[in-house]
Full PDB file with SEQRES, HELIX, SHEET, SSBOND, CRYST1, ORIGX, SCALE, CONECT and MASTER records, all heavy atoms in Angstrom:
SEQRES   1 A   38  TYR ASP SER ILE ASP GLU ASP LEU SER ASN LYS SER PRO          
SEQRES   2 A   38  LEU LEU VAL GLN CYS ASN PRO VAL TYR LYS LYS ILE PRO          
SEQRES   3 A   38  VAL LEU ILE HIS ASN GLY LYS SER ILE SER GLU SER              
HELIX    1 AA1 PRO A   13  CYS A   18  1                                   6    
SHEET    1 AA1 2 VAL A  27  HIS A  30  0                                        
SHEET    2 AA1 2 LYS A  33  SER A  36 -1                                        
CRYST1    1.000    1.000    1.000  90.00  90.00  90.00 P 1           1          
ORIGX1      1.000000  0.000000  0.000000        0.00000                         
ORIGX2      0.000000  1.000000  0.000000        0.00000                         
ORIGX3      0.000000  0.000000  1.000000        0.00000                         
SCALE1      1.000000  0.000000  0.000000        0.00000                         
SCALE2      0.000000  1.000000  0.000000        0.00000                         
SCALE3      0.000000  0.000000  1.000000        0.00000                         
ATOM      1  N   TYR A   1       0.224   1.583  -8.147  1.00  0.00           N  
ATOM      2  CA  TYR A   1       1.268   0.555  -8.279  1.00  0.00           C  
ATOM      3  C   TYR A   1       0.634  -0.771  -8.709  1.00  0.00           C  
ATOM      4  O   TYR A   1      -0.561  -0.991  -8.535  1.00  0.00           O  
ATOM      5  CB  TYR A   1       1.999   0.364  -6.958  1.00  0.00           C  
ATOM      6  CG  TYR A   1       1.153  -0.262  -5.858  1.00  0.00           C  
ATOM      7  CD1 TYR A   1       1.225  -1.627  -5.578  1.00  0.00           C  
ATOM      8  CD2 TYR A   1       0.244   0.494  -5.127  1.00  0.00           C  
ATOM      9  CE1 TYR A   1       0.428  -2.199  -4.607  1.00  0.00           C  
ATOM     10  CE2 TYR A   1      -0.550  -0.059  -4.153  1.00  0.00           C  
ATOM     11  CZ  TYR A   1      -0.455  -1.409  -3.882  1.00  0.00           C  
ATOM     12  OH  TYR A   1      -1.239  -1.990  -2.937  1.00  0.00           O  
ATOM     13  N   ASP A   2       1.462  -1.634  -9.277  1.00  0.00           N  
ATOM     14  CA  ASP A   2       1.038  -2.989  -9.630  1.00  0.00           C  
ATOM     15  C   ASP A   2       1.529  -3.920  -8.508  1.00  0.00           C  
ATOM     16  O   ASP A   2       2.682  -3.878  -8.128  1.00  0.00           O  
ATOM     17  CB  ASP A   2       1.637  -3.436 -10.963  1.00  0.00           C  
ATOM     18  CG  ASP A   2       1.077  -2.660 -12.132  1.00  0.00           C  
ATOM     19  OD1 ASP A   2      -0.138  -2.359 -12.100  1.00  0.00           O  
ATOM     20  OD2 ASP A   2       1.835  -2.337 -13.068  1.00  0.00           O  
ATOM     21  N   SER A   3       0.623  -4.745  -8.021  1.00  0.00           N  
ATOM     22  CA  SER A   3       0.957  -5.664  -6.943  1.00  0.00           C  
ATOM     23  C   SER A   3       1.185  -7.060  -7.516  1.00  0.00           C  
ATOM     24  O   SER A   3       0.382  -7.567  -8.306  1.00  0.00           O  
ATOM     25  CB  SER A   3      -0.224  -5.699  -5.959  1.00  0.00           C  
ATOM     26  OG  SER A   3       0.068  -6.574  -4.903  1.00  0.00           O  
ATOM     27  N   ILE A   4       2.322  -7.665  -7.153  1.00  0.00           N  
ATOM     28  CA  ILE A   4       2.658  -9.013  -7.624  1.00  0.00           C  
ATOM     29  C   ILE A   4       2.863  -9.903  -6.418  1.00  0.00           C  
ATOM     30  O   ILE A   4       3.807  -9.718  -5.652  1.00  0.00           O  
ATOM     31  CB  ILE A   4       3.943  -8.994  -8.508  1.00  0.00           C  
ATOM     32  CG1 ILE A   4       3.746  -8.044  -9.705  1.00  0.00           C  
ATOM     33  CG2 ILE A   4       4.305 -10.407  -8.973  1.00  0.00           C  
ATOM     34  CD1 ILE A   4       4.999  -7.717 -10.476  1.00  0.00           C  
ATOM     35  N   ASP A   5       1.952 -10.857  -6.222  1.00  0.00           N  
ATOM     36  CA  ASP A   5       2.070 -11.798  -5.104  1.00  0.00           C  
ATOM     37  C   ASP A   5       3.007 -12.929  -5.458  1.00  0.00           C  
ATOM     38  O   ASP A   5       2.861 -13.591  -6.478  1.00  0.00           O  
ATOM     39  CB  ASP A   5       0.691 -12.355  -4.737  1.00  0.00           C  
ATOM     40  CG  ASP A   5      -0.026 -11.500  -3.695  1.00  0.00           C  
ATOM     41  OD1 ASP A   5       0.605 -10.550  -3.204  1.00  0.00           O  
ATOM     42  OD2 ASP A   5      -1.195 -11.761  -3.402  1.00  0.00           O  
ATOM     43  N   GLU A   6       3.991 -13.117  -4.582  1.00  0.00           N  
ATOM     44  CA  GLU A   6       4.999 -14.165  -4.783  1.00  0.00           C  
ATOM     45  C   GLU A   6       4.621 -15.440  -4.008  1.00  0.00           C  
ATOM     46  O   GLU A   6       4.079 -15.359  -2.904  1.00  0.00           O  
ATOM     47  CB  GLU A   6       6.376 -13.671  -4.272  1.00  0.00           C  
ATOM     48  CG  GLU A   6       7.057 -12.666  -5.162  1.00  0.00           C  
ATOM     49  CD  GLU A   6       7.706 -13.305  -6.392  1.00  0.00           C  
ATOM     50  OE1 GLU A   6       8.039 -14.515  -6.316  1.00  0.00           O  
ATOM     51  OE2 GLU A   6       7.881 -12.598  -7.375  1.00  0.00           O  
ATOM     52  N   ASP A   7       4.954 -16.572  -4.607  1.00  0.00           N  
ATOM     53  CA  ASP A   7       4.887 -17.855  -3.897  1.00  0.00           C  
ATOM     54  C   ASP A   7       6.289 -18.098  -3.348  1.00  0.00           C  
ATOM     55  O   ASP A   7       7.200 -18.421  -4.097  1.00  0.00           O  
ATOM     56  CB  ASP A   7       4.452 -18.970  -4.857  1.00  0.00           C  
ATOM     57  CG  ASP A   7       4.517 -20.358  -4.203  1.00  0.00           C  
ATOM     58  OD1 ASP A   7       4.834 -20.431  -2.993  1.00  0.00           O  
ATOM     59  OD2 ASP A   7       4.245 -21.351  -4.910  1.00  0.00           O  
ATOM     60  N   LEU A   8       6.458 -17.944  -2.036  1.00  0.00           N  
ATOM     61  CA  LEU A   8       7.818 -17.983  -1.469  1.00  0.00           C  
ATOM     62  C   LEU A   8       8.404 -19.380  -1.417  1.00  0.00           C  
ATOM     63  O   LEU A   8       9.597 -19.549  -1.166  1.00  0.00           O  
ATOM     64  CB  LEU A   8       7.816 -17.332  -0.066  1.00  0.00           C  
ATOM     65  CG  LEU A   8       7.431 -15.842  -0.072  1.00  0.00           C  
ATOM     66  CD1 LEU A   8       7.446 -15.283   1.318  1.00  0.00           C  
ATOM     67  CD2 LEU A   8       8.336 -15.042  -0.987  1.00  0.00           C  
ATOM     68  N   SER A   9       7.572 -20.403  -1.668  1.00  0.00           N  
ATOM     69  CA  SER A   9       8.112 -21.761  -1.784  1.00  0.00           C  
ATOM     70  C   SER A   9       8.607 -22.039  -3.199  1.00  0.00           C  
ATOM     71  O   SER A   9       9.271 -23.027  -3.465  1.00  0.00           O  
ATOM     72  CB  SER A   9       7.050 -22.795  -1.390  1.00  0.00           C  
ATOM     73  OG  SER A   9       5.963 -22.728  -2.288  1.00  0.00           O  
ATOM     74  N   ASN A  10       8.294 -21.107  -4.105  1.00  0.00           N  
ATOM     75  CA  ASN A  10       8.740 -21.246  -5.497  1.00  0.00           C  
ATOM     76  C   ASN A  10       8.968 -19.825  -6.032  1.00  0.00           C  
ATOM     77  O   ASN A  10       8.200 -19.308  -6.807  1.00  0.00           O  
ATOM     78  CB  ASN A  10       7.675 -22.001  -6.321  1.00  0.00           C  
ATOM     79  CG  ASN A  10       8.115 -22.200  -7.751  1.00  0.00           C  
ATOM     80  OD1 ASN A  10       9.298 -22.242  -8.069  1.00  0.00           O  
ATOM     81  ND2 ASN A  10       7.134 -22.308  -8.638  1.00  0.00           N  
ATOM     82  N   LYS A  11      10.087 -19.232  -5.590  1.00  0.00           N  
ATOM     83  CA  LYS A  11      10.345 -17.822  -5.871  1.00  0.00           C  
ATOM     84  C   LYS A  11      10.531 -17.570  -7.367  1.00  0.00           C  
ATOM     85  O   LYS A  11      11.203 -18.342  -8.056  1.00  0.00           O  
ATOM     86  CB  LYS A  11      11.594 -17.381  -5.115  1.00  0.00           C  
ATOM     87  CG  LYS A  11      11.372 -17.413  -3.607  1.00  0.00           C  
ATOM     88  CD  LYS A  11      12.656 -17.191  -2.817  1.00  0.00           C  
ATOM     89  CE  LYS A  11      12.363 -17.359  -1.333  1.00  0.00           C  
ATOM     90  NZ  LYS A  11      13.559 -17.232  -0.514  1.00  0.00           N  
ATOM     91  N   SER A  12       9.952 -16.476  -7.825  1.00  0.00           N  
ATOM     92  CA  SER A  12      10.008 -16.132  -9.251  1.00  0.00           C  
ATOM     93  C   SER A  12      11.405 -15.637  -9.626  1.00  0.00           C  
ATOM     94  O   SER A  12      12.135 -15.096  -8.779  1.00  0.00           O  
ATOM     95  CB  SER A  12       8.981 -15.048  -9.578  1.00  0.00           C  
ATOM     96  OG  SER A  12       9.401 -13.810  -9.050  1.00  0.00           O  
ATOM     97  N   PRO A  13      11.784 -15.826 -10.911  1.00  0.00           N  
ATOM     98  CA  PRO A  13      13.056 -15.249 -11.362  1.00  0.00           C  
ATOM     99  C   PRO A  13      13.138 -13.735 -11.131  1.00  0.00           C  
ATOM    100  O   PRO A  13      14.199 -13.214 -10.859  1.00  0.00           O  
ATOM    101  CB  PRO A  13      13.060 -15.569 -12.867  1.00  0.00           C  
ATOM    102  CG  PRO A  13      12.160 -16.771 -13.003  1.00  0.00           C  
ATOM    103  CD  PRO A  13      11.101 -16.588 -11.961  1.00  0.00           C  
ATOM    104  N   LEU A  14      11.977 -13.060 -11.222  1.00  0.00           N  
ATOM    105  CA  LEU A  14      11.956 -11.593 -11.003  1.00  0.00           C  
ATOM    106  C   LEU A  14      12.379 -11.259  -9.578  1.00  0.00           C  
ATOM    107  O   LEU A  14      13.176 -10.341  -9.346  1.00  0.00           O  
ATOM    108  CB  LEU A  14      10.551 -11.035 -11.288  1.00  0.00           C  
ATOM    109  CG  LEU A  14      10.381  -9.520 -11.086  1.00  0.00           C  
ATOM    110  CD1 LEU A  14      11.283  -8.741 -12.042  1.00  0.00           C  
ATOM    111  CD2 LEU A  14       8.925  -9.117 -11.288  1.00  0.00           C  
ATOM    112  N   LEU A  15      11.842 -12.011  -8.572  1.00  0.00           N  
ATOM    113  CA  LEU A  15      12.196 -11.756  -7.170  1.00  0.00           C  
ATOM    114  C   LEU A  15      13.692 -11.991  -6.947  1.00  0.00           C  
ATOM    115  O   LEU A  15      14.378 -11.175  -6.324  1.00  0.00           O  
ATOM    116  CB  LEU A  15      11.389 -12.660  -6.246  1.00  0.00           C  
ATOM    117  CG  LEU A  15      11.746 -12.589  -4.763  1.00  0.00           C  
ATOM    118  CD1 LEU A  15      11.601 -11.175  -4.215  1.00  0.00           C  
ATOM    119  CD2 LEU A  15      10.895 -13.567  -3.936  1.00  0.00           C  
ATOM    120  N   VAL A  16      14.209 -13.093  -7.469  1.00  0.00           N  
ATOM    121  CA  VAL A  16      15.625 -13.438  -7.290  1.00  0.00           C  
ATOM    122  C   VAL A  16      16.517 -12.394  -7.977  1.00  0.00           C  
ATOM    123  O   VAL A  16      17.558 -11.988  -7.456  1.00  0.00           O  
ATOM    124  CB  VAL A  16      15.922 -14.851  -7.835  1.00  0.00           C  
ATOM    125  CG1 VAL A  16      17.410 -15.176  -7.760  1.00  0.00           C  
ATOM    126  CG2 VAL A  16      15.115 -15.884  -7.045  1.00  0.00           C  
ATOM    127  N   GLN A  17      16.061 -11.918  -9.138  1.00  0.00           N  
ATOM    128  CA  GLN A  17      16.832 -10.901  -9.868  1.00  0.00           C  
ATOM    129  C   GLN A  17      16.819  -9.556  -9.133  1.00  0.00           C  
ATOM    130  O   GLN A  17      17.833  -8.877  -9.046  1.00  0.00           O  
ATOM    131  CB  GLN A  17      16.222 -10.742 -11.264  1.00  0.00           C  
ATOM    132  CG  GLN A  17      16.851  -9.634 -12.110  1.00  0.00           C  
ATOM    133  CD  GLN A  17      15.983  -9.262 -13.306  1.00  0.00           C  
ATOM    134  OE1 GLN A  17      15.197 -10.079 -13.800  1.00  0.00           O  
ATOM    135  NE2 GLN A  17      16.100  -8.035 -13.766  1.00  0.00           N  
ATOM    136  N   CYS A  18      15.644  -9.195  -8.560  1.00  0.00           N  
ATOM    137  CA  CYS A  18      15.506  -7.876  -7.913  1.00  0.00           C  
ATOM    138  C   CYS A  18      16.063  -7.854  -6.512  1.00  0.00           C  
ATOM    139  O   CYS A  18      16.423  -6.780  -6.005  1.00  0.00           O  
ATOM    140  CB  CYS A  18      14.033  -7.461  -7.897  1.00  0.00           C  
ATOM    141  SG  CYS A  18      13.383  -7.084  -9.509  1.00  0.00           S  
ATOM    142  N   ASN A  19      16.114  -8.995  -5.842  1.00  0.00           N  
ATOM    143  CA  ASN A  19      16.671  -9.053  -4.490  1.00  0.00           C  
ATOM    144  C   ASN A  19      17.614 -10.256  -4.409  1.00  0.00           C  
ATOM    145  O   ASN A  19      17.347 -11.241  -3.719  1.00  0.00           O  
ATOM    146  CB  ASN A  19      15.558  -9.161  -3.446  1.00  0.00           C  
ATOM    147  CG  ASN A  19      16.081  -9.021  -2.029  1.00  0.00           C  
ATOM    148  OD1 ASN A  19      17.257  -8.829  -1.802  1.00  0.00           O  
ATOM    149  ND2 ASN A  19      15.178  -9.125  -1.059  1.00  0.00           N  
ATOM    150  N   PRO A  20      18.766 -10.169  -5.122  1.00  0.00           N  
ATOM    151  CA  PRO A  20      19.678 -11.313  -5.183  1.00  0.00           C  
ATOM    152  C   PRO A  20      20.366 -11.609  -3.836  1.00  0.00           C  
ATOM    153  O   PRO A  20      20.828 -12.731  -3.609  1.00  0.00           O  
ATOM    154  CB  PRO A  20      20.700 -10.905  -6.243  1.00  0.00           C  
ATOM    155  CG  PRO A  20      20.670  -9.400  -6.246  1.00  0.00           C  
ATOM    156  CD  PRO A  20      19.245  -9.034  -5.908  1.00  0.00           C  
ATOM    157  N   VAL A  21      20.405 -10.632  -2.940  1.00  0.00           N  
ATOM    158  CA  VAL A  21      21.111 -10.836  -1.669  1.00  0.00           C  
ATOM    159  C   VAL A  21      20.263 -11.678  -0.703  1.00  0.00           C  
ATOM    160  O   VAL A  21      20.684 -12.707  -0.206  1.00  0.00           O  
ATOM    161  CB  VAL A  21      21.465  -9.481  -1.008  1.00  0.00           C  
ATOM    162  CG1 VAL A  21      22.122  -9.678   0.345  1.00  0.00           C  
ATOM    163  CG2 VAL A  21      22.400  -8.691  -1.935  1.00  0.00           C  
ATOM    164  N   TYR A  22      19.013 -11.219  -0.455  1.00  0.00           N  
ATOM    165  CA  TYR A  22      18.163 -11.919   0.517  1.00  0.00           C  
ATOM    166  C   TYR A  22      17.116 -12.819  -0.114  1.00  0.00           C  
ATOM    167  O   TYR A  22      16.580 -13.722   0.549  1.00  0.00           O  
ATOM    168  CB  TYR A  22      17.471 -10.896   1.432  1.00  0.00           C  
ATOM    169  CG  TYR A  22      18.401 -10.129   2.321  1.00  0.00           C  
ATOM    170  CD1 TYR A  22      18.632  -8.774   2.127  1.00  0.00           C  
ATOM    171  CD2 TYR A  22      19.095 -10.767   3.351  1.00  0.00           C  
ATOM    172  CE1 TYR A  22      19.506  -8.066   2.947  1.00  0.00           C  
ATOM    173  CE2 TYR A  22      19.953 -10.072   4.166  1.00  0.00           C  
ATOM    174  CZ  TYR A  22      20.160  -8.714   3.968  1.00  0.00           C  
ATOM    175  OH  TYR A  22      21.029  -8.035   4.784  1.00  0.00           O  
ATOM    176  N   LYS A  23      16.780 -12.509  -1.383  1.00  0.00           N  
ATOM    177  CA  LYS A  23      15.738 -13.270  -2.116  1.00  0.00           C  
ATOM    178  C   LYS A  23      14.429 -13.326  -1.317  1.00  0.00           C  
ATOM    179  O   LYS A  23      13.760 -14.350  -1.213  1.00  0.00           O  
ATOM    180  CB  LYS A  23      16.217 -14.714  -2.414  1.00  0.00           C  
ATOM    181  CG  LYS A  23      17.496 -14.764  -3.230  1.00  0.00           C  
ATOM    182  CD  LYS A  23      17.962 -16.196  -3.459  1.00  0.00           C  
ATOM    183  CE  LYS A  23      19.213 -16.252  -4.279  1.00  0.00           C  
ATOM    184  NZ  LYS A  23      20.397 -15.669  -3.617  1.00  0.00           N  
ATOM    185  N   LYS A  24      14.078 -12.157  -0.699  1.00  0.00           N  
ATOM    186  CA  LYS A  24      12.876 -12.055   0.128  1.00  0.00           C  
ATOM    187  C   LYS A  24      11.986 -10.925  -0.367  1.00  0.00           C  
ATOM    188  O   LYS A  24      12.450 -10.021  -1.075  1.00  0.00           O  
ATOM    189  CB  LYS A  24      13.240 -11.775   1.592  1.00  0.00           C  
ATOM    190  CG  LYS A  24      14.005 -12.899   2.283  1.00  0.00           C  
ATOM    191  CD  LYS A  24      14.073 -12.680   3.791  1.00  0.00           C  
ATOM    192  CE  LYS A  24      14.680 -11.356   4.194  1.00  0.00           C  
ATOM    193  NZ  LYS A  24      14.905 -11.235   5.656  1.00  0.00           N  
ATOM    194  N   ILE A  25      10.730 -10.995   0.048  1.00  0.00           N  
ATOM    195  CA  ILE A  25       9.827  -9.876  -0.172  1.00  0.00           C  
ATOM    196  C   ILE A  25       9.789  -9.039   1.091  1.00  0.00           C  
ATOM    197  O   ILE A  25      10.179  -9.522   2.163  1.00  0.00           O  
ATOM    198  CB  ILE A  25       8.392 -10.363  -0.568  1.00  0.00           C  
ATOM    199  CG1 ILE A  25       7.847 -11.378   0.462  1.00  0.00           C  
ATOM    200  CG2 ILE A  25       8.394 -10.973  -1.934  1.00  0.00           C  
ATOM    201  CD1 ILE A  25       7.000 -10.771   1.498  1.00  0.00           C  
ATOM    202  N   PRO A  26       9.351  -7.774   1.015  1.00  0.00           N  
ATOM    203  CA  PRO A  26       8.887  -7.061  -0.166  1.00  0.00           C  
ATOM    204  C   PRO A  26      10.035  -6.475  -0.975  1.00  0.00           C  
ATOM    205  O   PRO A  26      11.135  -6.238  -0.445  1.00  0.00           O  
ATOM    206  CB  PRO A  26       8.033  -5.964   0.417  1.00  0.00           C  
ATOM    207  CG  PRO A  26       8.686  -5.660   1.749  1.00  0.00           C  
ATOM    208  CD  PRO A  26       9.198  -6.981   2.260  1.00  0.00           C  
ATOM    209  N   VAL A  27       9.743  -6.274  -2.251  1.00  0.00           N  
ATOM    210  CA  VAL A  27      10.652  -5.523  -3.128  1.00  0.00           C  
ATOM    211  C   VAL A  27       9.809  -4.487  -3.872  1.00  0.00           C  
ATOM    212  O   VAL A  27       8.769  -4.806  -4.439  1.00  0.00           O  
ATOM    213  CB  VAL A  27      11.358  -6.431  -4.149  1.00  0.00           C  
ATOM    214  CG1 VAL A  27      12.204  -5.612  -5.105  1.00  0.00           C  
ATOM    215  CG2 VAL A  27      12.184  -7.505  -3.467  1.00  0.00           C  
ATOM    216  N   LEU A  28      10.256  -3.246  -3.839  1.00  0.00           N  
ATOM    217  CA  LEU A  28       9.616  -2.190  -4.602  1.00  0.00           C  
ATOM    218  C   LEU A  28      10.456  -1.966  -5.877  1.00  0.00           C  
ATOM    219  O   LEU A  28      11.653  -1.847  -5.789  1.00  0.00           O  
ATOM    220  CB  LEU A  28       9.559  -0.893  -3.785  1.00  0.00           C  
ATOM    221  CG  LEU A  28       8.807   0.269  -4.429  1.00  0.00           C  
ATOM    222  CD1 LEU A  28       7.289   0.041  -4.338  1.00  0.00           C  
ATOM    223  CD2 LEU A  28       9.161   1.607  -3.768  1.00  0.00           C  
ATOM    224  N   ILE A  29       9.750  -1.943  -7.017  1.00  0.00           N  
ATOM    225  CA  ILE A  29      10.434  -1.658  -8.282  1.00  0.00           C  
ATOM    226  C   ILE A  29       9.871  -0.321  -8.788  1.00  0.00           C  
ATOM    227  O   ILE A  29       8.687  -0.189  -9.052  1.00  0.00           O  
ATOM    228  CB  ILE A  29      10.191  -2.775  -9.321  1.00  0.00           C  
ATOM    229  CG1 ILE A  29      10.618  -4.138  -8.756  1.00  0.00           C  
ATOM    230  CG2 ILE A  29      10.956  -2.473 -10.610  1.00  0.00           C  
ATOM    231  CD1 ILE A  29      10.200  -5.320  -9.614  1.00  0.00           C  
ATOM    232  N   HIS A  30      10.738   0.667  -8.881  1.00  0.00           N  
ATOM    233  CA  HIS A  30      10.355   2.014  -9.315  1.00  0.00           C  
ATOM    234  C   HIS A  30      11.137   2.389 -10.553  1.00  0.00           C  
ATOM    235  O   HIS A  30      12.363   2.551 -10.499  1.00  0.00           O  
ATOM    236  CB  HIS A  30      10.596   3.019  -8.186  1.00  0.00           C  
ATOM    237  CG  HIS A  30      10.203   4.417  -8.548  1.00  0.00           C  
ATOM    238  ND1 HIS A  30      10.908   5.522  -8.128  1.00  0.00           N  
ATOM    239  CD2 HIS A  30       9.157   4.893  -9.305  1.00  0.00           C  
ATOM    240  CE1 HIS A  30      10.338   6.621  -8.605  1.00  0.00           C  
ATOM    241  NE2 HIS A  30       9.279   6.260  -9.311  1.00  0.00           N  
ATOM    242  N   ASN A  31      10.420   2.477 -11.691  1.00  0.00           N  
ATOM    243  CA  ASN A  31      11.062   2.799 -12.964  1.00  0.00           C  
ATOM    244  C   ASN A  31      12.276   1.895 -13.231  1.00  0.00           C  
ATOM    245  O   ASN A  31      13.353   2.360 -13.636  1.00  0.00           O  
ATOM    246  CB  ASN A  31      11.488   4.258 -13.009  1.00  0.00           C  
ATOM    247  CG  ASN A  31      10.279   5.210 -13.012  1.00  0.00           C  
ATOM    248  OD1 ASN A  31       9.181   4.823 -13.429  1.00  0.00           O  
ATOM    249  ND2 ASN A  31      10.465   6.425 -12.545  1.00  0.00           N  
ATOM    250  N   GLY A  32      12.075   0.596 -12.974  1.00  0.00           N  
ATOM    251  CA  GLY A  32      13.111  -0.397 -13.287  1.00  0.00           C  
ATOM    252  C   GLY A  32      14.139  -0.608 -12.200  1.00  0.00           C  
ATOM    253  O   GLY A  32      14.956  -1.537 -12.282  1.00  0.00           O  
ATOM    254  N   LYS A  33      14.153   0.262 -11.182  1.00  0.00           N  
ATOM    255  CA  LYS A  33      15.137   0.108 -10.093  1.00  0.00           C  
ATOM    256  C   LYS A  33      14.465  -0.571  -8.903  1.00  0.00           C  
ATOM    257  O   LYS A  33      13.353  -0.180  -8.495  1.00  0.00           O  
ATOM    258  CB  LYS A  33      15.681   1.481  -9.679  1.00  0.00           C  
ATOM    259  CG  LYS A  33      16.480   2.165 -10.756  1.00  0.00           C  
ATOM    260  CD  LYS A  33      16.866   3.581 -10.330  1.00  0.00           C  
ATOM    261  CE  LYS A  33      17.650   4.285 -11.443  1.00  0.00           C  
ATOM    262  NZ  LYS A  33      17.892   5.697 -11.142  1.00  0.00           N  
ATOM    263  N   SER A  34      15.141  -1.543  -8.302  1.00  0.00           N  
ATOM    264  CA  SER A  34      14.537  -2.304  -7.213  1.00  0.00           C  
ATOM    265  C   SER A  34      15.119  -1.905  -5.859  1.00  0.00           C  
ATOM    266  O   SER A  34      16.311  -1.628  -5.725  1.00  0.00           O  
ATOM    267  CB  SER A  34      14.718  -3.800  -7.446  1.00  0.00           C  
ATOM    268  OG  SER A  34      16.071  -4.115  -7.607  1.00  0.00           O  
ATOM    269  N   ILE A  35      14.230  -1.828  -4.863  1.00  0.00           N  
ATOM    270  CA  ILE A  35      14.613  -1.508  -3.476  1.00  0.00           C  
ATOM    271  C   ILE A  35      14.064  -2.623  -2.588  1.00  0.00           C  
ATOM    272  O   ILE A  35      12.890  -2.958  -2.671  1.00  0.00           O  
ATOM    273  CB  ILE A  35      14.030  -0.133  -3.036  1.00  0.00           C  
ATOM    274  CG1 ILE A  35      14.436   0.972  -4.017  1.00  0.00           C  
ATOM    275  CG2 ILE A  35      14.493   0.232  -1.628  1.00  0.00           C  
ATOM    276  CD1 ILE A  35      13.412   1.287  -5.072  1.00  0.00           C  
ATOM    277  N   SER A  36      14.924  -3.161  -1.717  1.00  0.00           N  
ATOM    278  CA  SER A  36      14.537  -4.276  -0.855  1.00  0.00           C  
ATOM    279  C   SER A  36      14.557  -3.868   0.625  1.00  0.00           C  
ATOM    280  O   SER A  36      15.175  -2.862   0.969  1.00  0.00           O  
ATOM    281  CB  SER A  36      15.508  -5.468  -1.044  1.00  0.00           C  
ATOM    282  OG  SER A  36      15.581  -5.811  -2.416  1.00  0.00           O  
ATOM    283  N   GLU A  37      13.940  -4.705   1.446  1.00  0.00           N  
ATOM    284  CA  GLU A  37      13.832  -4.537   2.901  1.00  0.00           C  
ATOM    285  C   GLU A  37      12.801  -3.431   3.211  1.00  0.00           C  
ATOM    286  O   GLU A  37      12.952  -2.295   2.803  1.00  0.00           O  
ATOM    287  CB  GLU A  37      15.174  -4.210   3.550  1.00  0.00           C  
ATOM    288  CG  GLU A  37      16.171  -5.341   3.471  1.00  0.00           C  
ATOM    289  CD  GLU A  37      15.727  -6.575   4.251  1.00  0.00           C  
ATOM    290  OE1 GLU A  37      15.594  -6.532   5.487  1.00  0.00           O  
ATOM    291  OE2 GLU A  37      15.491  -7.611   3.599  1.00  0.00           O  
ATOM    292  N   SER A  38      11.773  -3.799   3.976  1.00  0.00           N  
ATOM    293  CA  SER A  38      10.623  -2.890   4.170  1.00  0.00           C  
ATOM    294  C   SER A  38      10.990  -1.541   4.785  1.00  0.00           C  
ATOM    295  O   SER A  38      10.463  -0.494   4.373  1.00  0.00           O  
ATOM    296  CB  SER A  38       9.521  -3.590   4.980  1.00  0.00           C  
ATOM    297  OG  SER A  38       9.962  -3.886   6.291  1.00  0.00           O  
TER     298      SER A  38                                                      
MASTER        0    0    0    1    2    0    0    6  297    1    0    3          
END                                                                             
């Protein structure tokens, strides 16, 4: 897997797009589909 470290004081557009409900990490992206909440 590719690991992407987020700066939670300045959330990336990718994080907000992949987890629009909570806007939190972790998010797993598998073949373009995102899954949130550990």
